[in-house]
């Protein structure tokens, strides 16, 4: 009974749960090879050079070029789809299946009367969990897969846009040679290395921007007030400690908190430029007879 239950759980861990529906065309190595033979053949390239094809029936450079380029893009799209499916499935299932197996082994061990059987099942459970620990790095990688896939799709979309724009031009402006070069870029855009490189470059650029921009600038003002009233107040404050005390007391009683933004009232009135503080300065100068 225990063996049957373990087998059932183990089988459950192999269920395909990549999240994709089955492809009705089910592309495989043979069908992809057939497409490659069609769009990368010497015959089709000769058709392009001769500006005429009988199979398929095409009689202009642009139509033959478009036929070749769009066909190759289709193949790259199939291969990219297969890559995404392979990246999106597998790792999480391994972990979930082994976790369930370990739980089942522990559960059976708790309800089995034989001490020897309990020991054996406990040992098996430990082995499953240890094996699952080795998969943790794969699970960590799988958590990054959505971001990597998104970046690959963005890179591919950019490369495809370049090609589609090129196909709007006449062959003498965008020939098969130039299109092939852009197709190579499209092919590379669907690779893991290119996606990781793009993500890394974006992070590097954002870091440089953060380091070069002074984000604190909008929150501080390094310019002191240089009006006659400001200079008079600062000079008067330096004459005696009693002046500082009187000035502080006046500011505490007369300067509204809403104007300070965390700056001490005395500092704001003495140094901060602006119409609000100009009014306050004229008041304190008159009140304390500052000269």
C-alpha atoms as a PDB file:
ATOM      1  CA  UNK A   1       0.000   0.000   0.000  1.00  0.00           C
ATOM      2  CA  UNK A   2       2.764   2.425   0.987  1.00  0.00           C
ATOM      3  CA  UNK A   3       4.695   1.640  -2.177  1.00  0.00           C
ATOM      4  CA  UNK A   4       1.643   2.325  -4.308  1.00  0.00           C
ATOM      5  CA  UNK A   5       1.018   5.686  -2.651  1.00  0.00           C
ATOM      6  CA  UNK A   6       4.641   6.726  -3.075  1.00  0.00           C
ATOM      7  CA  UNK A   7       4.530   5.745  -6.736  1.00  0.00           C
ATOM      8  CA  UNK A   8       1.374   7.799  -7.265  1.00  0.00           C
ATOM      9  CA  UNK A   9       2.935  10.918  -5.722  1.00  0.00           C
ATOM     10  CA  UNK A  10       6.169  10.436  -7.639  1.00  0.00           C
ATOM     11  CA  UNK A  11       4.215  10.167 -10.874  1.00  0.00           C
ATOM     12  CA  UNK A  12       2.353  13.343  -9.964  1.00  0.00           C
ATOM     13  CA  UNK A  13       5.682  15.184  -9.777  1.00  0.00           C
ATOM     14  CA  UNK A  14       6.264  14.499 -13.483  1.00  0.00           C
ATOM     15  CA  UNK A  15       3.061  16.062 -14.740  1.00  0.00           C
ATOM     16  CA  UNK A  16       3.731  18.812 -17.281  1.00  0.00           C
ATOM     17  CA  UNK A  17       2.569  22.097 -15.763  1.00  0.00           C
ATOM     18  CA  UNK A  18       4.437  24.620 -17.873  1.00  0.00           C
ATOM     19  CA  UNK A  19       1.265  26.646 -18.225  1.00  0.00           C
ATOM     20  CA  UNK A  20       1.115  26.421 -22.039  1.00  0.00           C
ATOM     21  CA  UNK A  21      -1.629  24.796 -24.042  1.00  0.00           C
ATOM     22  CA  UNK A  22      -0.602  22.083 -26.477  1.00  0.00           C
ATOM     23  CA  UNK A  23       0.497  23.352 -29.868  1.00  0.00           C
ATOM     24  CA  UNK A  24      -1.797  21.728 -32.471  1.00  0.00           C
ATOM     25  CA  UNK A  25       1.025  21.816 -35.029  1.00  0.00           C
ATOM     26  CA  UNK A  26       3.422  20.172 -32.563  1.00  0.00           C
ATOM     27  CA  UNK A  27       6.663  21.363 -34.198  1.00  0.00           C
ATOM     28  CA  UNK A  28       9.493  18.906 -33.835  1.00  0.00           C
ATOM     29  CA  UNK A  29      13.042  18.598 -35.138  1.00  0.00           C
ATOM     30  CA  UNK A  30      11.853  17.085 -38.417  1.00  0.00           C
ATOM     31  CA  UNK A  31       9.280  19.784 -39.190  1.00  0.00           C
ATOM     32  CA  UNK A  32      11.704  22.564 -38.272  1.00  0.00           C
ATOM     33  CA  UNK A  33      14.364  21.003 -40.504  1.00  0.00           C
ATOM     34  CA  UNK A  34      11.850  20.911 -43.341  1.00  0.00           C
ATOM     35  CA  UNK A  35      11.168  24.634 -42.940  1.00  0.00           C
ATOM     36  CA  UNK A  36      14.865  25.396 -42.836  1.00  0.00           C
ATOM     37  CA  UNK A  37      15.423  23.405 -45.999  1.00  0.00           C
ATOM     38  CA  UNK A  38      12.691  25.503 -47.607  1.00  0.00           C
ATOM     39  CA  UNK A  39      13.782  28.993 -46.565  1.00  0.00           C
ATOM     40  CA  UNK A  40      17.547  28.504 -46.448  1.00  0.00           C
ATOM     41  CA  UNK A  41      17.895  26.429 -49.611  1.00  0.00           C
ATOM     42  CA  UNK A  42      20.264  27.213 -52.440  1.00  0.00           C
ATOM     43  CA  UNK A  43      17.302  27.094 -54.814  1.00  0.00           C
ATOM     44  CA  UNK A  44      15.382  29.883 -53.113  1.00  0.00           C
ATOM     45  CA  UNK A  45      18.478  32.063 -52.911  1.00  0.00           C
ATOM     46  CA  UNK A  46      19.099  31.461 -56.616  1.00  0.00           C
ATOM     47  CA  UNK A  47      15.515  32.537 -57.266  1.00  0.00           C
ATOM     48  CA  UNK A  48      16.265  35.806 -55.496  1.00  0.00           C
ATOM     49  CA  UNK A  49      19.405  36.419 -57.550  1.00  0.00           C
ATOM     50  CA  UNK A  50      17.569  35.627 -60.787  1.00  0.00           C
ATOM     51  CA  UNK A  51      14.560  37.701 -59.695  1.00  0.00           C
ATOM     52  CA  UNK A  52      12.126  34.926 -60.599  1.00  0.00           C
ATOM     53  CA  UNK A  53      10.740  31.822 -58.888  1.00  0.00           C
ATOM     54  CA  UNK A  54       8.481  29.118 -60.294  1.00  0.00           C
ATOM     55  CA  UNK A  55       7.915  27.339 -56.964  1.00  0.00           C
ATOM     56  CA  UNK A  56       6.568  29.363 -55.286  1.00  0.00           C
ATOM     57  CA  UNK A  57       5.537  31.579 -58.177  1.00  0.00           C
ATOM     58  CA  UNK A  58       7.195  34.920 -57.532  1.00  0.00           C
ATOM     59  CA  UNK A  59       8.454  37.362 -60.106  1.00  0.00           C
ATOM     60  CA  UNK A  60       9.948  40.359 -58.299  1.00  0.00           C
ATOM     61  CA  UNK A  61      12.928  40.935 -56.035  1.00  0.00           C
ATOM     62  CA  UNK A  62      10.738  42.329 -53.261  1.00  0.00           C
ATOM     63  CA  UNK A  63       8.274  39.419 -53.287  1.00  0.00           C
ATOM     64  CA  UNK A  64      11.050  36.813 -53.209  1.00  0.00           C
ATOM     65  CA  UNK A  65      12.910  38.718 -50.505  1.00  0.00           C
ATOM     66  CA  UNK A  66       9.740  38.996 -48.418  1.00  0.00           C
ATOM     67  CA  UNK A  67       8.992  35.303 -48.889  1.00  0.00           C
ATOM     68  CA  UNK A  68      12.458  34.327 -47.628  1.00  0.00           C
ATOM     69  CA  UNK A  69      12.632  36.814 -44.760  1.00  0.00           C
ATOM     70  CA  UNK A  70       9.137  36.168 -43.417  1.00  0.00           C
ATOM     71  CA  UNK A  71       9.701  32.414 -43.680  1.00  0.00           C
ATOM     72  CA  UNK A  72      12.909  32.623 -41.686  1.00  0.00           C
ATOM     73  CA  UNK A  73      11.207  34.842 -39.101  1.00  0.00           C
ATOM     74  CA  UNK A  74       8.536  32.157 -38.764  1.00  0.00           C
ATOM     75  CA  UNK A  75      11.174  29.523 -38.050  1.00  0.00           C
ATOM     76  CA  UNK A  76      12.844  31.750 -35.449  1.00  0.00           C
ATOM     77  CA  UNK A  77       9.445  32.314 -33.841  1.00  0.00           C
ATOM     78  CA  UNK A  78       8.841  28.566 -33.561  1.00  0.00           C
ATOM     79  CA  UNK A  79      12.262  27.952 -32.060  1.00  0.00           C
ATOM     80  CA  UNK A  80      11.771  30.811 -29.601  1.00  0.00           C
ATOM     81  CA  UNK A  81       8.378  29.430 -28.562  1.00  0.00           C
ATOM     82  CA  UNK A  82       9.961  26.036 -27.886  1.00  0.00           C
ATOM     83  CA  UNK A  83      12.688  27.702 -25.835  1.00  0.00           C
ATOM     84  CA  UNK A  84      10.143  29.605 -23.732  1.00  0.00           C
ATOM     85  CA  UNK A  85       8.166  26.424 -23.099  1.00  0.00           C
ATOM     86  CA  UNK A  86      11.269  24.563 -21.997  1.00  0.00           C
ATOM     87  CA  UNK A  87      12.294  27.429 -19.686  1.00  0.00           C
ATOM     88  CA  UNK A  88       8.823  27.697 -18.143  1.00  0.00           C
ATOM     89  CA  UNK A  89       8.358  24.027 -17.250  1.00  0.00           C
ATOM     90  CA  UNK A  90      10.104  21.440 -15.147  1.00  0.00           C
ATOM     91  CA  UNK A  91      11.965  22.956 -12.213  1.00  0.00           C
ATOM     92  CA  UNK A  92       8.998  23.853 -10.031  1.00  0.00           C
ATOM     93  CA  UNK A  93       7.444  20.436 -10.662  1.00  0.00           C
ATOM     94  CA  UNK A  94      10.581  18.673  -9.461  1.00  0.00           C
ATOM     95  CA  UNK A  95      10.458  20.588  -6.195  1.00  0.00           C
ATOM     96  CA  UNK A  96       6.705  20.173  -5.619  1.00  0.00           C
ATOM     97  CA  UNK A  97       6.812  16.463  -6.441  1.00  0.00           C
ATOM     98  CA  UNK A  98       9.689  15.786  -4.104  1.00  0.00           C
ATOM     99  CA  UNK A  99       8.117  17.853  -1.312  1.00  0.00           C
ATOM    100  CA  UNK A 100       4.885  15.850  -1.571  1.00  0.00           C
ATOM    101  CA  UNK A 101       6.814  12.609  -1.656  1.00  0.00           C
ATOM    102  CA  UNK A 102       8.691  13.574   1.515  1.00  0.00           C
ATOM    103  CA  UNK A 103       5.462  14.529   3.280  1.00  0.00           C
ATOM    104  CA  UNK A 104       3.864  11.227   2.312  1.00  0.00           C
ATOM    105  CA  UNK A 105       6.853   9.243   3.526  1.00  0.00           C
ATOM    106  CA  UNK A 106       6.748  11.042   6.860  1.00  0.00           C
ATOM    107  CA  UNK A 107       2.990  10.498   7.133  1.00  0.00           C
ATOM    108  CA  UNK A 108       3.268   6.779   6.474  1.00  0.00           C
ATOM    109  CA  UNK A 109       6.115   6.529   8.935  1.00  0.00           C
ATOM    110  CA  UNK A 110       4.028   8.138  11.654  1.00  0.00           C
ATOM    111  CA  UNK A 111       1.201   5.600  11.232  1.00  0.00           C
ATOM    112  CA  UNK A 112       3.252   2.449  10.720  1.00  0.00           C
ATOM    113  CA  UNK A 113       3.698   0.162  13.701  1.00  0.00           C
ATOM    114  CA  UNK A 114       7.051  -1.413  12.843  1.00  0.00           C
ATOM    115  CA  UNK A 115      10.066   0.422  14.235  1.00  0.00           C
ATOM    116  CA  UNK A 116      12.243  -0.853  11.389  1.00  0.00           C
ATOM    117  CA  UNK A 117       9.744   0.375   8.789  1.00  0.00           C
ATOM    118  CA  UNK A 118       9.534   3.767  10.490  1.00  0.00           C
ATOM    119  CA  UNK A 119      13.305   4.088  10.412  1.00  0.00           C
ATOM    120  CA  UNK A 120      13.479   3.135   6.745  1.00  0.00           C
ATOM    121  CA  UNK A 121      10.760   5.570   5.745  1.00  0.00           C
ATOM    122  CA  UNK A 122      12.356   8.371   7.776  1.00  0.00           C
ATOM    123  CA  UNK A 123      15.668   7.746   6.033  1.00  0.00           C
ATOM    124  CA  UNK A 124      13.956   7.795   2.639  1.00  0.00           C
ATOM    125  CA  UNK A 125      12.215  11.048   3.511  1.00  0.00           C
ATOM    126  CA  UNK A 126      15.521  12.633   4.478  1.00  0.00           C
ATOM    127  CA  UNK A 127      17.030  11.551   1.187  1.00  0.00           C
ATOM    128  CA  UNK A 128      14.188  13.092  -0.796  1.00  0.00           C
ATOM    129  CA  UNK A 129      14.484  16.396   1.064  1.00  0.00           C
ATOM    130  CA  UNK A 130      18.261  16.415   0.590  1.00  0.00           C
ATOM    131  CA  UNK A 131      17.815  15.868  -3.127  1.00  0.00           C
ATOM    132  CA  UNK A 132      15.264  18.645  -3.202  1.00  0.00           C
ATOM    133  CA  UNK A 133      17.768  20.964  -1.559  1.00  0.00           C
ATOM    134  CA  UNK A 134      20.047  20.433  -4.516  1.00  0.00           C
ATOM    135  CA  UNK A 135      17.273  21.734  -6.768  1.00  0.00           C
ATOM    136  CA  UNK A 136      16.949  25.001  -4.834  1.00  0.00           C
ATOM    137  CA  UNK A 137      19.394  26.755  -7.130  1.00  0.00           C
ATOM    138  CA  UNK A 138      17.271  25.684 -10.090  1.00  0.00           C
ATOM    139  CA  UNK A 139      14.153  27.044  -8.393  1.00  0.00           C
ATOM    140  CA  UNK A 140      15.952  30.328  -7.782  1.00  0.00           C
ATOM    141  CA  UNK A 141      16.754  30.431 -11.469  1.00  0.00           C
ATOM    142  CA  UNK A 142      13.155  29.602 -12.391  1.00  0.00           C
ATOM    143  CA  UNK A 143      11.944  32.638 -10.431  1.00  0.00           C
ATOM    144  CA  UNK A 144      14.012  34.835 -12.733  1.00  0.00           C
ATOM    145  CA  UNK A 145      12.708  33.163 -15.879  1.00  0.00           C
ATOM    146  CA  UNK A 146       9.672  35.488 -16.337  1.00  0.00           C
ATOM    147  CA  UNK A 147      11.931  38.556 -16.310  1.00  0.00           C
ATOM    148  CA  UNK A 148      14.375  36.943 -18.720  1.00  0.00           C
ATOM    149  CA  UNK A 149      11.591  35.857 -21.078  1.00  0.00           C
ATOM    150  CA  UNK A 150      10.067  39.349 -20.990  1.00  0.00           C
ATOM    151  CA  UNK A 151      13.428  40.851 -21.906  1.00  0.00           C
ATOM    152  CA  UNK A 152      13.902  38.344 -24.734  1.00  0.00           C
ATOM    153  CA  UNK A 153      10.451  39.205 -26.084  1.00  0.00           C
ATOM    154  CA  UNK A 154      11.272  42.918 -25.923  1.00  0.00           C
ATOM    155  CA  UNK A 155      14.565  42.363 -27.740  1.00  0.00           C
ATOM    156  CA  UNK A 156      12.832  40.270 -30.390  1.00  0.00           C
ATOM    157  CA  UNK A 157      10.049  42.841 -30.849  1.00  0.00           C
ATOM    158  CA  UNK A 158      12.640  45.540 -31.478  1.00  0.00           C
ATOM    159  CA  UNK A 159      14.503  43.377 -34.002  1.00  0.00           C
ATOM    160  CA  UNK A 160      11.260  42.399 -35.752  1.00  0.00           C
ATOM    161  CA  UNK A 161      10.211  46.047 -36.025  1.00  0.00           C
ATOM    162  CA  UNK A 162      13.483  46.829 -37.799  1.00  0.00           C
ATOM    163  CA  UNK A 163      12.877  44.025 -40.289  1.00  0.00           C
ATOM    164  CA  UNK A 164       9.241  44.937 -40.940  1.00  0.00           C
ATOM    165  CA  UNK A 165      10.256  48.539 -41.577  1.00  0.00           C
ATOM    166  CA  UNK A 166      12.943  47.314 -43.963  1.00  0.00           C
ATOM    167  CA  UNK A 167      10.452  45.197 -45.900  1.00  0.00           C
ATOM    168  CA  UNK A 168       8.488  48.347 -46.701  1.00  0.00           C
ATOM    169  CA  UNK A 169      11.436  49.508 -48.820  1.00  0.00           C
ATOM    170  CA  UNK A 170      12.389  48.490 -52.331  1.00  0.00           C
ATOM    171  CA  UNK A 171      14.966  45.772 -52.758  1.00  0.00           C
ATOM    172  CA  UNK A 172      17.655  48.244 -53.801  1.00  0.00           C
ATOM    173  CA  UNK A 173      17.233  49.956 -50.426  1.00  0.00           C
ATOM    174  CA  UNK A 174      16.827  46.833 -48.304  1.00  0.00           C
ATOM    175  CA  UNK A 175      18.159  43.755 -50.030  1.00  0.00           C
ATOM    176  CA  UNK A 176      18.353  40.179 -48.771  1.00  0.00           C
ATOM    177  CA  UNK A 177      21.885  40.734 -47.508  1.00  0.00           C
ATOM    178  CA  UNK A 178      20.832  43.529 -45.163  1.00  0.00           C
ATOM    179  CA  UNK A 179      17.737  41.606 -44.161  1.00  0.00           C
ATOM    180  CA  UNK A 180      19.863  38.557 -43.331  1.00  0.00           C
ATOM    181  CA  UNK A 181      21.993  40.651 -41.030  1.00  0.00           C
ATOM    182  CA  UNK A 182      18.867  41.872 -39.227  1.00  0.00           C
ATOM    183  CA  UNK A 183      17.601  38.277 -39.070  1.00  0.00           C
ATOM    184  CA  UNK A 184      20.809  37.307 -37.288  1.00  0.00           C
ATOM    185  CA  UNK A 185      20.109  40.033 -34.742  1.00  0.00           C
ATOM    186  CA  UNK A 186      16.570  38.679 -34.333  1.00  0.00           C
ATOM    187  CA  UNK A 187      17.907  35.179 -33.779  1.00  0.00           C
ATOM    188  CA  UNK A 188      20.357  36.382 -31.129  1.00  0.00           C
ATOM    189  CA  UNK A 189      17.621  38.459 -29.463  1.00  0.00           C
ATOM    190  CA  UNK A 190      15.919  35.208 -28.469  1.00  0.00           C
ATOM    191  CA  UNK A 191      18.945  33.963 -26.514  1.00  0.00           C
ATOM    192  CA  UNK A 192      19.429  33.893 -22.758  1.00  0.00           C
ATOM    193  CA  UNK A 193      22.811  35.581 -22.967  1.00  0.00           C
ATOM    194  CA  UNK A 194      21.417  38.520 -24.936  1.00  0.00           C
ATOM    195  CA  UNK A 195      18.524  38.943 -22.490  1.00  0.00           C
ATOM    196  CA  UNK A 196      20.804  38.849 -19.440  1.00  0.00           C
ATOM    197  CA  UNK A 197      23.159  41.292 -21.157  1.00  0.00           C
ATOM    198  CA  UNK A 198      20.261  43.700 -21.809  1.00  0.00           C
ATOM    199  CA  UNK A 199      19.030  43.462 -18.214  1.00  0.00           C
ATOM    200  CA  UNK A 200      22.551  44.026 -16.892  1.00  0.00           C
ATOM    201  CA  UNK A 201      23.071  47.023 -19.177  1.00  0.00           C
ATOM    202  CA  UNK A 202      19.800  48.596 -18.044  1.00  0.00           C
ATOM    203  CA  UNK A 203      20.772  48.137 -14.396  1.00  0.00           C
ATOM    204  CA  UNK A 204      24.203  49.642 -15.080  1.00  0.00           C
ATOM    205  CA  UNK A 205      22.710  52.647 -16.867  1.00  0.00           C
ATOM    206  CA  UNK A 206      20.207  53.243 -14.058  1.00  0.00           C
ATOM    207  CA  UNK A 207      23.000  53.017 -11.488  1.00  0.00           C
ATOM    208  CA  UNK A 208      25.088  55.576 -13.377  1.00  0.00           C
ATOM    209  CA  UNK A 209      22.085  57.882 -13.627  1.00  0.00           C
ATOM    210  CA  UNK A 210      21.421  57.560  -9.904  1.00  0.00           C
ATOM    211  CA  UNK A 211      25.063  58.312  -9.109  1.00  0.00           C
ATOM    212  CA  UNK A 212      25.360  61.342 -11.384  1.00  0.00           C
ATOM    213  CA  UNK A 213      22.037  62.967 -10.560  1.00  0.00           C
ATOM    214  CA  UNK A 214      21.872  64.934  -7.329  1.00  0.00           C
ATOM    215  CA  UNK A 215      18.471  63.802  -6.097  1.00  0.00           C
ATOM    216  CA  UNK A 216      18.766  65.964  -2.958  1.00  0.00           C
ATOM    217  CA  UNK A 217      18.900  69.239  -4.908  1.00  0.00           C
ATOM    218  CA  UNK A 218      15.116  69.884  -4.879  1.00  0.00           C
ATOM    219  CA  UNK A 219      15.046  69.478  -1.083  1.00  0.00           C
ATOM    220  CA  UNK A 220      17.660  72.020  -0.119  1.00  0.00           C
ATOM    221  CA  UNK A 221      18.621  75.597  -0.842  1.00  0.00           C
ATOM    222  CA  UNK A 222      22.275  76.513  -0.452  1.00  0.00           C
ATOM    223  CA  UNK A 223      21.740  80.186  -1.299  1.00  0.00           C
ATOM    224  CA  UNK A 224      21.578  82.463   1.735  1.00  0.00           C
ATOM    225  CA  UNK A 225      19.528  85.607   1.676  1.00  0.00           C
ATOM    226  CA  UNK A 226      21.729  88.597   0.712  1.00  0.00           C
ATOM    227  CA  UNK A 227      19.246  91.451   1.087  1.00  0.00           C
ATOM    228  CA  UNK A 228      20.024  94.453   3.264  1.00  0.00           C
ATOM    229  CA  UNK A 229      17.625  93.215   5.962  1.00  0.00           C
ATOM    230  CA  UNK A 230      19.306  89.775   6.079  1.00  0.00           C
ATOM    231  CA  UNK A 231      22.756  91.308   6.374  1.00  0.00           C
ATOM    232  CA  UNK A 232      21.560  93.698   9.061  1.00  0.00           C
ATOM    233  CA  UNK A 233      20.022  90.874  11.117  1.00  0.00           C
ATOM    234  CA  UNK A 234      23.137  88.699  10.895  1.00  0.00           C
ATOM    235  CA  UNK A 235      25.416  91.552  11.845  1.00  0.00           C
ATOM    236  CA  UNK A 236      23.159  92.512  14.766  1.00  0.00           C
ATOM    237  CA  UNK A 237      23.099  88.929  16.091  1.00  0.00           C
ATOM    238  CA  UNK A 238      26.898  88.866  16.266  1.00  0.00           C
ATOM    239  CA  UNK A 239      27.020  91.931  18.523  1.00  0.00           C
ATOM    240  CA  UNK A 240      25.714  90.315  21.720  1.00  0.00           C
ATOM    241  CA  UNK A 241      24.349  87.075  23.160  1.00  0.00           C
ATOM    242  CA  UNK A 242      21.323  88.958  24.428  1.00  0.00           C
ATOM    243  CA  UNK A 243      20.472  89.871  20.817  1.00  0.00           C
ATOM    244  CA  UNK A 244      20.448  86.181  19.905  1.00  0.00           C
ATOM    245  CA  UNK A 245      18.170  85.390  22.859  1.00  0.00           C
ATOM    246  CA  UNK A 246      15.696  88.161  21.992  1.00  0.00           C
ATOM    247  CA  UNK A 247      15.707  87.137  18.318  1.00  0.00           C
ATOM    248  CA  UNK A 248      15.058  83.494  19.178  1.00  0.00           C
ATOM    249  CA  UNK A 249      12.148  84.362  21.443  1.00  0.00           C
ATOM    250  CA  UNK A 250      10.542  86.594  18.792  1.00  0.00           C
ATOM    251  CA  UNK A 251      10.886  83.918  16.106  1.00  0.00           C
ATOM    252  CA  UNK A 252       9.333  81.224  18.298  1.00  0.00           C
ATOM    253  CA  UNK A 253       6.288  83.399  18.897  1.00  0.00           C
ATOM    254  CA  UNK A 254       5.815  84.900  15.449  1.00  0.00           C
ATOM    255  CA  UNK A 255       7.043  82.532  12.749  1.00  0.00           C
ATOM    256  CA  UNK A 256       4.324  80.071  11.582  1.00  0.00           C
ATOM    257  CA  UNK A 257       5.471  76.449  11.554  1.00  0.00           C
ATOM    258  CA  UNK A 258       4.030  75.875   8.083  1.00  0.00           C
ATOM    259  CA  UNK A 259       6.737  78.079   6.564  1.00  0.00           C
ATOM    260  CA  UNK A 260       9.695  76.310   8.128  1.00  0.00           C
ATOM    261  CA  UNK A 261       9.771  72.822   6.510  1.00  0.00           C
ATOM    262  CA  UNK A 262      11.936  71.538   9.338  1.00  0.00           C
ATOM    263  CA  UNK A 263      14.322  74.527   9.364  1.00  0.00           C
ATOM    264  CA  UNK A 264      14.837  76.261  12.743  1.00  0.00           C
ATOM    265  CA  UNK A 265      12.825  79.464  12.866  1.00  0.00           C
ATOM    266  CA  UNK A 266      15.788  81.691  13.685  1.00  0.00           C
ATOM    267  CA  UNK A 267      17.833  80.272  10.804  1.00  0.00           C
ATOM    268  CA  UNK A 268      14.919  80.616   8.402  1.00  0.00           C
ATOM    269  CA  UNK A 269      14.339  84.287   9.232  1.00  0.00           C
ATOM    270  CA  UNK A 270      18.021  85.173   9.164  1.00  0.00           C
ATOM    271  CA  UNK A 271      19.073  83.296   6.052  1.00  0.00           C
ATOM    272  CA  UNK A 272      16.189  82.049   3.874  1.00  0.00           C
ATOM    273  CA  UNK A 273      15.303  84.131   0.804  1.00  0.00           C
ATOM    274  CA  UNK A 274      11.663  84.671  -0.159  1.00  0.00           C
ATOM    275  CA  UNK A 275       8.777  87.092   0.175  1.00  0.00           C
ATOM    276  CA  UNK A 276       7.314  85.426   3.284  1.00  0.00           C
ATOM    277  CA  UNK A 277      10.566  85.775   5.197  1.00  0.00           C
ATOM    278  CA  UNK A 278      11.128  89.300   3.840  1.00  0.00           C
ATOM    279  CA  UNK A 279       7.896  90.303   5.616  1.00  0.00           C
ATOM    280  CA  UNK A 280       8.963  88.549   8.822  1.00  0.00           C
ATOM    281  CA  UNK A 281      12.384  90.195   8.684  1.00  0.00           C
ATOM    282  CA  UNK A 282      10.882  93.666   8.372  1.00  0.00           C
ATOM    283  CA  UNK A 283       8.685  92.917  11.384  1.00  0.00           C
ATOM    284  CA  UNK A 284      11.500  91.643  13.611  1.00  0.00           C
ATOM    285  CA  UNK A 285      13.764  94.535  12.612  1.00  0.00           C
ATOM    286  CA  UNK A 286      11.078  97.006  13.668  1.00  0.00           C
ATOM    287  CA  UNK A 287      10.178  95.091  16.841  1.00  0.00           C
ATOM    288  CA  UNK A 288      13.741  94.620  18.120  1.00  0.00           C
ATOM    289  CA  UNK A 289      15.102  97.853  16.712  1.00  0.00           C
ATOM    290  CA  UNK A 290      17.723  96.039  14.691  1.00  0.00           C
ATOM    291  CA  UNK A 291      20.175  98.348  12.975  1.00  0.00           C
END
